[in-house]
Protein backbone atom coordinates (compact mmCIF):
# COMPACT_ATOMS: atom_id res chain seq x y z
CA UNK A 1 24.72 -23.36 13.61
CA UNK A 2 26.98 -22.73 10.57
CA UNK A 3 25.57 -20.95 7.70
CA UNK A 4 25.62 -21.65 4.17
CA UNK A 5 27.98 -19.32 2.38
CA UNK A 6 27.54 -18.70 -1.46
CA UNK A 7 30.96 -16.74 -2.59
CA UNK A 8 30.58 -14.13 -5.46
CA UNK A 9 31.32 -16.74 -8.35
CA UNK A 10 28.15 -18.95 -7.09
CA UNK A 11 25.23 -16.90 -7.18
CA UNK A 12 23.71 -14.06 -9.36
CA UNK A 13 23.37 -11.19 -6.88
CA UNK A 14 25.09 -8.29 -8.81
CA UNK A 15 25.70 -4.78 -7.39
CA UNK A 16 24.77 -3.05 -10.54
CA UNK A 17 21.40 -4.62 -9.78
CA UNK A 18 21.01 -3.04 -6.19
CA UNK A 19 19.77 0.66 -5.95
CA UNK A 20 22.44 3.17 -5.84
CA UNK A 21 20.89 5.08 -2.60
CA UNK A 22 20.81 1.47 -0.82
CA UNK A 23 24.55 0.89 -1.69
CA UNK A 24 25.22 4.29 -0.47
CA UNK A 25 23.91 3.19 3.06
CA UNK A 26 25.65 0.07 2.80
CA UNK A 27 28.92 1.10 2.51
CA UNK A 28 28.49 4.05 4.90
CA UNK A 29 27.72 1.52 7.47
CA UNK A 30 30.64 -0.77 6.41
CA UNK A 31 32.92 2.06 6.44
CA UNK A 32 32.02 3.04 9.98
CA UNK A 33 32.88 -0.77 11.27
CA UNK A 34 29.14 -1.82 11.47
CA UNK A 35 27.98 -5.14 9.68
CA UNK A 36 25.53 -4.35 6.70
CA UNK A 37 23.57 -6.93 5.08
CA UNK A 38 20.97 -6.51 2.31
CA UNK A 39 18.12 -8.40 3.75
CA UNK A 40 14.78 -9.90 2.91
CA UNK A 41 12.78 -10.08 -0.21
CA UNK A 42 15.23 -7.76 -1.86
CA UNK A 43 17.97 -10.66 -1.82
CA UNK A 44 15.32 -13.24 -2.57
CA UNK A 45 14.03 -11.27 -5.83
CA UNK A 46 17.57 -10.77 -7.03
CA UNK A 47 18.56 -14.54 -6.78
CA UNK A 48 15.16 -15.05 -8.79
CA UNK A 49 16.21 -12.71 -11.37
CA UNK A 50 13.55 -10.11 -10.39
CA UNK A 51 13.18 -6.68 -9.88
CA UNK A 52 13.01 -5.96 -5.88
CA UNK A 53 10.15 -3.76 -4.96
CA UNK A 54 12.42 -2.32 -2.00
CA UNK A 55 15.93 -2.89 -0.78
CA UNK A 56 16.07 -3.29 3.04
CA UNK A 57 18.80 -3.17 5.11
CA UNK A 58 20.16 -5.02 8.32
CA UNK A 59 22.82 -3.95 10.36
CA UNK A 60 24.64 -4.18 13.88
CA UNK A 61 24.23 -0.39 14.41
CA UNK A 62 21.65 0.60 16.63
CA UNK A 63 18.77 3.14 15.77
CA UNK A 64 20.59 6.36 17.04
CA UNK A 65 24.17 5.30 15.76
CA UNK A 66 22.47 4.94 12.50
CA UNK A 67 20.60 8.20 12.80
CA UNK A 68 24.15 10.06 13.75
CA UNK A 69 25.50 8.71 10.28
CA UNK A 70 22.59 9.95 8.06
CA UNK A 71 21.08 13.61 8.69
CA UNK A 72 18.15 12.40 6.41
CA UNK A 73 17.45 9.50 8.57
CA UNK A 74 14.18 9.32 10.93
CA UNK A 75 13.29 6.76 13.40
CA UNK A 76 10.00 5.31 13.20
CA UNK A 77 7.85 2.73 14.88
CA UNK A 78 7.01 1.48 18.37
CA UNK A 79 6.55 -2.07 18.18
CA UNK A 80 9.75 -2.26 15.73
CA UNK A 81 12.01 0.40 15.69
CA UNK A 82 13.18 1.09 12.08
CA UNK A 83 15.37 3.79 10.67
CA UNK A 84 14.30 5.51 7.32
CA UNK A 85 16.80 7.19 5.47
CA UNK A 86 15.39 9.41 2.89
CA UNK A 87 16.83 10.24 -0.65
CA UNK A 88 13.81 12.58 -2.28
CA UNK A 89 10.77 10.43 -2.47
CA UNK A 90 13.02 7.15 -2.01
CA UNK A 91 13.36 5.55 1.41
CA UNK A 92 15.84 2.95 2.25
CA UNK A 93 14.84 1.28 5.56
CA UNK A 94 17.13 0.07 7.99
CA UNK A 95 16.70 -2.19 10.90
CA UNK A 96 18.94 -3.24 13.68
CA UNK A 97 19.59 -7.10 13.97
CA UNK A 98 17.30 -8.53 16.59
CA UNK A 99 16.62 -11.75 18.35
CA UNK A 100 13.39 -13.64 18.84
CA UNK A 101 11.18 -11.34 21.52
CA UNK A 102 10.01 -13.47 24.68
CA UNK A 103 6.43 -13.84 24.50
CA UNK A 104 4.21 -12.50 27.55
CA UNK A 105 2.95 -14.87 30.06
CA UNK A 106 -0.33 -16.47 28.80
CA UNK A 107 -0.04 -14.66 25.48
CA UNK A 108 2.01 -15.48 22.17
CA UNK A 109 1.06 -12.45 20.36
CA UNK A 110 4.33 -10.38 19.83
CA UNK A 111 3.77 -6.79 20.99
CA UNK A 112 7.26 -5.55 21.38
CA UNK A 113 10.33 -6.40 19.20
CA UNK A 114 13.14 -4.41 20.09
CA UNK A 115 15.71 -6.90 21.56
CA UNK A 116 18.72 -6.51 19.61
CA UNK A 117 20.75 -9.73 18.63
CA UNK A 118 23.21 -11.26 15.88
CA UNK A 119 22.67 -11.65 12.27
CA UNK A 120 22.01 -15.47 13.11
CA UNK A 121 19.37 -14.53 15.59
CA UNK A 122 17.98 -12.09 13.42
CA UNK A 123 17.54 -14.96 10.50
CA UNK A 124 15.79 -17.05 12.68
CA UNK A 125 13.07 -14.40 14.12
CA UNK A 126 12.22 -13.68 10.34
CA UNK A 127 8.74 -15.40 8.93
CA UNK A 128 9.77 -17.54 5.73
CA UNK A 129 13.02 -19.02 5.16
CA UNK A 130 13.13 -17.33 1.35
CA UNK A 131 13.09 -14.35 3.38
CA UNK A 132 15.73 -14.60 5.69
CA UNK A 133 18.56 -14.72 3.30
CA UNK A 134 21.69 -11.83 3.55
CA UNK A 135 23.78 -10.12 0.95
CA UNK A 136 27.16 -9.35 2.91
CA UNK A 137 28.46 -6.00 1.11
CA UNK A 138 32.04 -6.41 2.40
CA UNK A 139 32.57 -9.84 1.01
CA UNK A 140 29.92 -10.03 -1.63
CA UNK A 141 28.77 -13.32 -0.41
CA UNK A 142 25.24 -14.89 0.04
CA UNK A 143 24.38 -15.70 3.63
CA UNK A 144 21.82 -18.62 4.47
CA UNK A 145 21.20 -19.64 8.21
CA UNK A 146 17.88 -21.32 7.51
CA UNK A 147 17.57 -23.47 4.38
CA UNK A 148 16.27 -20.52 2.30
CA UNK A 149 18.38 -21.52 -0.68
CA UNK A 150 16.83 -25.04 -1.00
CA UNK A 151 13.57 -23.52 -0.53
CA UNK A 152 14.10 -21.14 -3.37
CA UNK A 153 15.25 -24.16 -5.61
CA UNK A 154 12.13 -26.21 -4.61
CA UNK A 155 9.75 -22.95 -5.12
CA UNK A 156 8.29 -23.47 -1.50
CA UNK A 157 7.17 -21.09 1.00
CA UNK A 158 7.97 -22.72 4.62
CA UNK A 159 8.13 -20.88 7.95
CA UNK A 160 11.14 -20.75 10.03
CA UNK A 161 10.43 -23.19 12.88
CA UNK A 162 6.69 -24.67 13.92
CA UNK A 163 4.08 -22.86 11.98
CA UNK A 164 1.51 -23.04 14.51
CA UNK A 165 3.93 -21.36 17.12
CA UNK A 166 5.03 -18.77 14.58
CA UNK A 167 1.25 -17.89 13.12
CA UNK A 168 0.24 -17.46 16.70
CA UNK A 169 2.91 -14.86 17.54
CA UNK A 170 1.77 -12.97 14.25
CA UNK A 171 -1.27 -14.22 12.60
CA UNK A 172 -0.79 -11.44 9.52
CA UNK A 173 1.94 -14.13 8.71
CA UNK A 174 -1.02 -16.27 7.29
CA UNK A 175 -1.94 -13.80 4.83
CA UNK A 176 1.68 -12.94 3.85
CA UNK A 177 2.43 -16.64 3.16
CA UNK A 178 -0.65 -17.07 0.79
CA UNK A 179 0.04 -13.73 -0.72
CA UNK A 180 3.85 -14.47 -1.53
CA UNK A 181 3.08 -17.72 -2.73
CA UNK A 182 0.64 -16.44 -5.22
CA UNK A 183 3.08 -13.54 -6.33
CA UNK A 184 6.05 -15.86 -7.15
CA UNK A 185 4.09 -18.97 -8.20
CA UNK A 186 5.55 -21.12 -5.22
CA UNK A 187 3.77 -23.84 -3.60
CA UNK A 188 3.16 -23.90 0.19
CA UNK A 189 4.85 -26.34 2.46
CA UNK A 190 2.33 -28.91 3.85
CA UNK A 191 2.78 -28.26 7.44
CA UNK A 192 2.44 -24.38 6.71
CA UNK A 193 -0.80 -25.06 4.88
CA UNK A 194 -2.01 -27.41 7.61
CA UNK A 195 -1.21 -24.75 10.51
CA UNK A 196 -3.12 -21.96 8.09
CA UNK A 197 -6.15 -24.25 8.21
CA UNK A 198 -6.02 -24.89 11.77
CA UNK A 199 -5.33 -21.40 12.78
CA UNK A 200 -7.29 -19.54 10.05
CA UNK A 201 -9.67 -18.10 13.15
CA UNK A 202 -6.49 -16.46 15.05
CA UNK A 203 -6.49 -13.56 12.27
CA UNK A 204 -9.39 -11.75 14.09
CA UNK A 205 -6.72 -11.04 16.65
CA UNK A 206 -4.55 -8.99 14.43
CA UNK A 207 -4.76 -5.08 13.92
CA UNK A 208 -7.37 -4.61 11.58
CA UNK A 209 -5.20 -1.45 10.13
CA UNK A 210 -2.31 -3.98 9.30
CA UNK A 211 -4.52 -6.44 7.89
CA UNK A 212 -6.05 -3.38 5.24
CA UNK A 213 -2.43 -2.72 4.29
CA UNK A 214 -1.90 -6.09 3.49
CA UNK A 215 -4.71 -6.18 1.82
CA UNK A 216 -3.58 -3.01 -0.46
CA UNK A 217 -0.33 -4.82 -1.10
CA UNK A 218 -1.87 -7.79 -2.49
CA UNK A 219 -4.17 -5.53 -4.72
CA UNK A 220 -1.00 -3.66 -5.88
CA UNK A 221 1.21 -6.90 -6.18
CA UNK A 222 -0.10 -8.04 -9.56
CA UNK A 223 -1.62 -11.58 -8.40
CA UNK A 224 -4.47 -10.30 -6.51
CA UNK A 225 -6.96 -13.18 -8.48
CA UNK A 226 -4.95 -15.77 -7.47
CA UNK A 227 -4.09 -14.67 -3.72
CA UNK A 228 -7.96 -14.75 -3.15
CA UNK A 229 -8.66 -17.72 -4.86
CA UNK A 230 -5.92 -19.31 -2.34
CA UNK A 231 -7.20 -17.15 0.81
CA UNK A 232 -10.78 -18.76 -0.34
CA UNK A 233 -9.31 -22.31 -0.46
CA UNK A 234 -7.66 -22.21 3.01
CA UNK A 235 -10.68 -20.68 4.76
CA UNK A 236 -8.72 -17.25 5.75
CA UNK A 237 -10.80 -15.11 3.57
CA UNK A 238 -14.31 -15.94 5.49
CA UNK A 239 -12.52 -14.50 8.29
CA UNK A 240 -11.10 -11.20 6.37
CA UNK A 241 -13.90 -10.29 3.96
CA UNK A 242 -16.94 -12.48 4.50
CA UNK A 243 -19.00 -11.07 1.32
CA UNK A 244 -16.03 -11.66 -0.73
CA UNK A 245 -15.73 -15.08 0.32
CA UNK A 246 -19.36 -15.78 -0.57
CA UNK A 247 -18.84 -14.35 -4.10
CA UNK A 248 -15.80 -16.59 -4.89
CA UNK A 249 -17.99 -19.53 -3.41
CA UNK A 250 -20.81 -18.73 -5.62
CA UNK A 251 -18.56 -18.50 -8.56
CA UNK A 252 -21.10 -16.24 -10.13
CA UNK A 253 -19.56 -13.01 -9.30
CA UNK A 254 -17.60 -10.20 -11.10
CA UNK A 255 -15.02 -10.04 -8.28
CA UNK A 256 -12.41 -12.60 -9.77
CA UNK A 257 -12.56 -10.89 -13.28
CA UNK A 258 -12.20 -7.67 -11.70
CA UNK A 259 -9.23 -8.65 -9.78
CA UNK A 260 -7.79 -10.21 -12.94
CA UNK A 261 -8.11 -6.83 -14.88
CA UNK A 262 -6.20 -5.00 -12.11
CA UNK A 263 -3.53 -7.68 -12.48
CA UNK A 264 -3.08 -7.40 -16.19
CA UNK A 265 -2.98 -3.38 -15.78
CA UNK A 266 -0.42 -3.85 -13.10
CA UNK A 267 1.66 -6.62 -15.05
CA UNK A 268 1.63 -4.67 -18.26
CA UNK A 269 4.04 -2.13 -16.29
CA UNK A 270 2.00 0.96 -17.19
CA UNK A 271 2.31 2.34 -13.50
CA UNK A 272 3.64 1.27 -10.46
CA UNK A 273 2.19 -0.10 -7.62
CA UNK A 274 2.72 3.09 -5.90
CA UNK A 275 0.76 4.83 -8.23
CA UNK A 276 -2.39 2.94 -7.72
CA UNK A 277 -4.51 5.18 -5.25
CA UNK A 278 -6.61 3.53 -2.24
CA UNK A 279 -9.60 4.28 -4.05
CA UNK A 280 -8.73 2.40 -7.16
CA UNK A 281 -7.75 -0.67 -5.16
CA UNK A 282 -11.02 -0.21 -2.90
CA UNK A 283 -13.35 0.10 -5.66
CA UNK A 284 -11.82 -2.94 -7.60
CA UNK A 285 -12.71 -4.90 -4.73
CA UNK A 286 -15.85 -3.64 -3.56
CA UNK A 287 -17.73 -2.38 -6.64
CA UNK A 288 -18.22 -6.31 -7.80
CA UNK A 289 -19.48 -6.81 -4.38
CA UNK A 290 -22.47 -4.75 -4.52
CA UNK A 291 -21.17 -0.95 -4.42
CA UNK A 292 -23.47 0.98 -6.55
CA UNK A 293 -22.28 4.37 -8.40
CA UNK A 294 -25.34 6.38 -6.96
CA UNK A 295 -28.58 5.42 -4.76
CA UNK A 296 -29.42 5.34 -1.17
CA UNK A 297 -25.90 3.73 -0.41
CA UNK A 298 -24.01 6.85 -1.37
CA UNK A 299 -26.36 8.92 1.07
CA UNK A 300 -25.33 6.54 3.85
CA UNK A 301 -21.68 6.89 3.27
CA UNK A 302 -22.05 10.74 3.41
CA UNK A 303 -23.94 10.96 6.59
CA UNK A 304 -22.06 13.95 8.23
CA UNK A 305 -22.27 12.19 11.88
CA UNK A 306 -20.18 9.29 10.81
CA UNK A 307 -16.47 10.38 11.71
CA UNK A 308 -13.64 10.18 8.84
CA UNK A 309 -11.76 7.45 10.69
CA UNK A 310 -14.74 5.15 11.67
CA UNK A 311 -14.11 1.54 11.33
CA UNK A 312 -16.59 -0.07 8.78
CA UNK A 313 -18.01 -3.30 9.37
CA UNK A 314 -17.67 -4.84 5.98
CA UNK A 315 -20.50 -7.47 6.55
CA UNK A 316 -23.16 -4.82 7.50
CA UNK A 317 -21.84 -2.34 4.82
CA UNK A 318 -22.16 -4.75 2.02
CA UNK A 319 -25.83 -5.26 3.37
CA UNK A 320 -26.48 -1.65 3.16
CA UNK A 321 -25.40 -1.43 -0.19
CA UNK A 322 -27.63 -4.07 -1.74
CA UNK A 323 -25.77 -7.23 -1.41
CA UNK A 324 -27.74 -10.31 -0.99
CA UNK A 325 -27.16 -12.57 1.96
CA UNK A 326 -26.42 -16.12 1.43
CA UNK A 327 -28.19 -18.14 4.10
CA UNK A 328 -26.85 -21.50 2.98
CA UNK A 329 -23.19 -20.19 3.85
CA UNK A 330 -23.28 -17.92 6.90
CA UNK A 331 -19.89 -15.65 8.06
CA UNK A 332 -17.91 -16.77 10.75
CA UNK A 333 -19.22 -15.89 14.44
CA UNK A 334 -16.49 -13.19 14.39
CA UNK A 335 -14.44 -11.39 11.52
CA UNK A 336 -12.44 -8.57 11.15
CA UNK A 337 -14.06 -5.06 10.72
CA UNK A 338 -11.49 -3.44 7.93
CA UNK A 339 -11.08 0.15 8.86
CA UNK A 340 -11.95 1.43 5.14
CA UNK A 341 -11.53 5.34 5.17
CA UNK A 342 -14.69 7.27 4.45
CA UNK A 343 -12.27 9.95 2.49
CA UNK A 344 -11.52 6.98 0.06
CA UNK A 345 -15.05 5.82 -0.29
CA UNK A 346 -16.03 9.19 -1.11
CA UNK A 347 -13.67 9.47 -3.72
CA UNK A 348 -14.67 6.43 -5.27
CA UNK A 349 -18.23 7.66 -5.45
CA UNK A 350 -16.27 10.61 -7.54
CA UNK A 351 -14.29 8.20 -9.80
CA UNK A 352 -17.42 6.23 -10.49
CA UNK A 353 -19.65 9.27 -11.12
CA UNK A 354 -17.38 10.52 -13.49
CA UNK A 355 -17.07 7.36 -16.06
CA UNK A 356 -20.41 8.04 -17.75
CA UNK A 357 -18.92 11.49 -18.71
CA UNK A 358 -15.66 10.06 -20.12
CA UNK A 359 -17.92 7.87 -22.50
CA UNK A 360 -19.53 11.17 -23.83
CA UNK A 361 -16.58 11.86 -26.29
CA UNK A 362 -19.33 13.64 -28.81
CA UNK A 363 -20.00 15.93 -26.01
CA UNK A 364 -16.27 16.78 -24.74
CA UNK A 365 -16.52 20.44 -24.85
CA UNK A 366 -19.02 20.40 -22.27
CA UNK A 367 -17.47 17.33 -20.40
CA UNK A 368 -14.15 19.15 -20.28
CA UNK A 369 -15.79 22.07 -18.50
CA UNK A 370 -17.42 19.78 -15.98
CA UNK A 371 -14.12 17.81 -15.56
CA UNK A 372 -11.43 20.32 -15.82
CA UNK A 373 -9.36 20.82 -12.74
CA UNK A 374 -10.80 17.93 -10.67
CA UNK A 375 -8.13 16.23 -8.45
CA UNK A 376 -9.50 13.03 -8.96
CA UNK A 377 -9.54 13.18 -12.81
CA UNK A 378 -6.11 10.92 -13.16
CA UNK A 379 -7.83 8.49 -10.91
CA UNK A 380 -10.90 8.07 -13.21
CA UNK A 381 -8.92 7.82 -16.35
CA UNK A 382 -6.85 5.00 -14.71
CA UNK A 383 -10.40 3.28 -13.55
CA UNK A 384 -11.47 3.65 -16.97
CA UNK A 385 -8.41 2.17 -18.44
CA UNK A 386 -8.55 -0.85 -16.03
CA UNK A 387 -12.26 -1.73 -15.96
CA UNK A 388 -13.53 0.12 -19.08
CA UNK A 389 -13.11 -2.44 -21.62
CA UNK A 390 -11.20 -2.90 -25.10
CA UNK A 391 -11.26 1.06 -26.21
CA UNK A 392 -10.53 2.41 -23.08
CA UNK A 393 -6.98 3.21 -23.84
CA UNK A 394 -7.83 5.25 -26.57
CA UNK A 395 -10.55 7.05 -24.79
CA UNK A 396 -8.01 7.84 -21.60
CA UNK A 397 -5.24 9.09 -24.07
CA UNK A 398 -7.88 11.41 -25.77
CA UNK A 399 -9.02 12.81 -22.58
CA UNK A 400 -5.20 13.50 -21.39
CA UNK A 401 -4.44 14.93 -24.60
CA UNK A 402 -7.19 17.82 -23.95
CA UNK A 403 -4.84 18.71 -20.92
CA UNK A 404 -7.65 19.03 -18.40
CA UNK A 405 -5.36 18.76 -15.33
CA UNK A 406 -4.89 22.39 -13.32
CA UNK A 407 -1.57 24.43 -14.07
CA UNK A 408 0.06 27.13 -12.62
CA UNK A 409 -0.54 30.58 -13.80
CA UNK A 410 1.86 31.60 -17.00
CA UNK A 411 4.56 34.35 -16.76
CA UNK A 412 2.17 36.62 -18.58
CA UNK A 413 -0.41 36.09 -15.85
CA UNK A 414 2.22 36.86 -12.98
CA UNK A 415 2.68 40.34 -12.10
CA UNK A 416 6.15 40.82 -9.78
CA UNK A 417 5.85 42.67 -6.55
CA UNK A 418 9.01 43.23 -4.77
CA UNK A 419 10.29 40.00 -3.84
CA UNK A 420 7.19 37.81 -4.17
CA UNK A 421 4.84 37.20 -6.96
CA UNK A 422 0.89 37.74 -7.39
CA UNK A 423 -1.39 36.30 -9.94
CA UNK A 424 -2.69 39.05 -12.34
CA UNK A 425 -6.29 38.85 -13.31
CA UNK A 426 -7.17 37.23 -16.58
CA UNK A 427 -7.25 39.90 -19.58
CA UNK A 428 -10.96 39.29 -20.64
CA UNK A 429 -11.93 40.43 -16.85
CA UNK A 430 -12.30 43.81 -16.09
CA UNK A 431 -10.58 45.19 -13.14
CA UNK A 432 -12.20 45.50 -9.93
CA UNK A 433 -13.64 48.99 -9.55
CA UNK A 434 -12.23 50.69 -6.49
CA UNK A 435 -14.88 51.86 -3.97
CA UNK A 436 -14.47 55.55 -3.11
CA UNK A 437 -14.44 56.13 0.69
CA UNK A 438 -16.19 59.03 2.01
CA UNK A 439 -14.36 61.30 4.45
CA UNK A 440 -16.01 61.68 7.77
CA UNK A 441 -17.25 65.19 8.43
CA UNK A 442 -16.27 66.86 11.35
CA UNK A 443 -18.56 67.36 14.34
CA UNK A 444 -20.17 70.89 14.81
CA UNK A 445 -18.68 72.89 17.12
CA UNK A 446 -20.28 72.98 20.70
CA UNK A 447 -21.96 75.97 21.71
CA UNK A 448 -19.83 78.53 23.84
CA UNK A 449 -20.29 78.32 27.31
CA UNK A 450 -21.39 81.62 29.03
């Protein structure tokens, strides 16, 4: 079909708003004869006047061709082969144009998605119309094959094609539709809403690791409270986090205010989403559901016989942590067991245990000795800022002013030895006394033989 093309004077996307490293990748691909588009959410956000979180690129170049153009390129993924072009800590994601993968017989789930195609085919295989817009670096035009520009004007989230088919192909798309609508303050197309209500149980077929990663994205995006309210309204939350669904249904929980405080902290722009570590996000979600800072539940989570990467059943975990079951609203017969990492739960315990100490300003000297150099200190201060009340910002600033973080030895404490360097002992400590080694006495001569 013929796309709708907006030339440069008819849209607001400007190269000055695109990340410089992403522009380098686009221009190098174009200069070597490949088609190169800025794709997906980056184009959508630029058209809405928002600052994109990521700048993804679609191209006619195959992954190995991209790798030959960039020495700092790494090919990742099995289900979906991608190229990551690294510039320091920054990553520009480059994907080859693909066509819709044919489902396996009797199974609508997409398990492989590496069939290369044209830009038009790539647009129609994407999830939502507002995510299928392209920006052509060669002509500076915006290209729309699926009606995404009209849906942007209507502020509507709509699937490309039959929503029932698209959600059966990848049930995680239901979660993404709700999260995207909440973040952009858009409505969801009625047909898409009906399909979510009808197919919400399909979400249990998704990879738990993928669903958990989507939850972390939701908690970082600044609209977590609204997203959880919508997930409850559409019936998805009962299959994802039964305890959270029951808490939202009761309306007497601290869960929604806790998510709201996280949203306010994120929207204030104090830190980026990437600077919010998993334990902070996990605590914002689980602590209101009954996770205590200390007690029997802590001992259960520290059991040595539990592997680090073992999947934790959320419903069972909440019950073990003291959550009250709701007999009048049972959980669905099948729900996901999200793989919360034990290391994140243990670190959350440390963050929570530090909070009473951070309130003891009158004992700052002793508290400073206890917390100095702790690896979780910065996360504990961020938890205080998010959930500590009105004076939390001043408290966090006070503790940061004490410089409790570990620091490398100064030049005065370092002794150069050849080409390397070693740390000298502190001046107030006596040098270690060298132990004297005793020479072994020679054995007495053996008697002479006659």
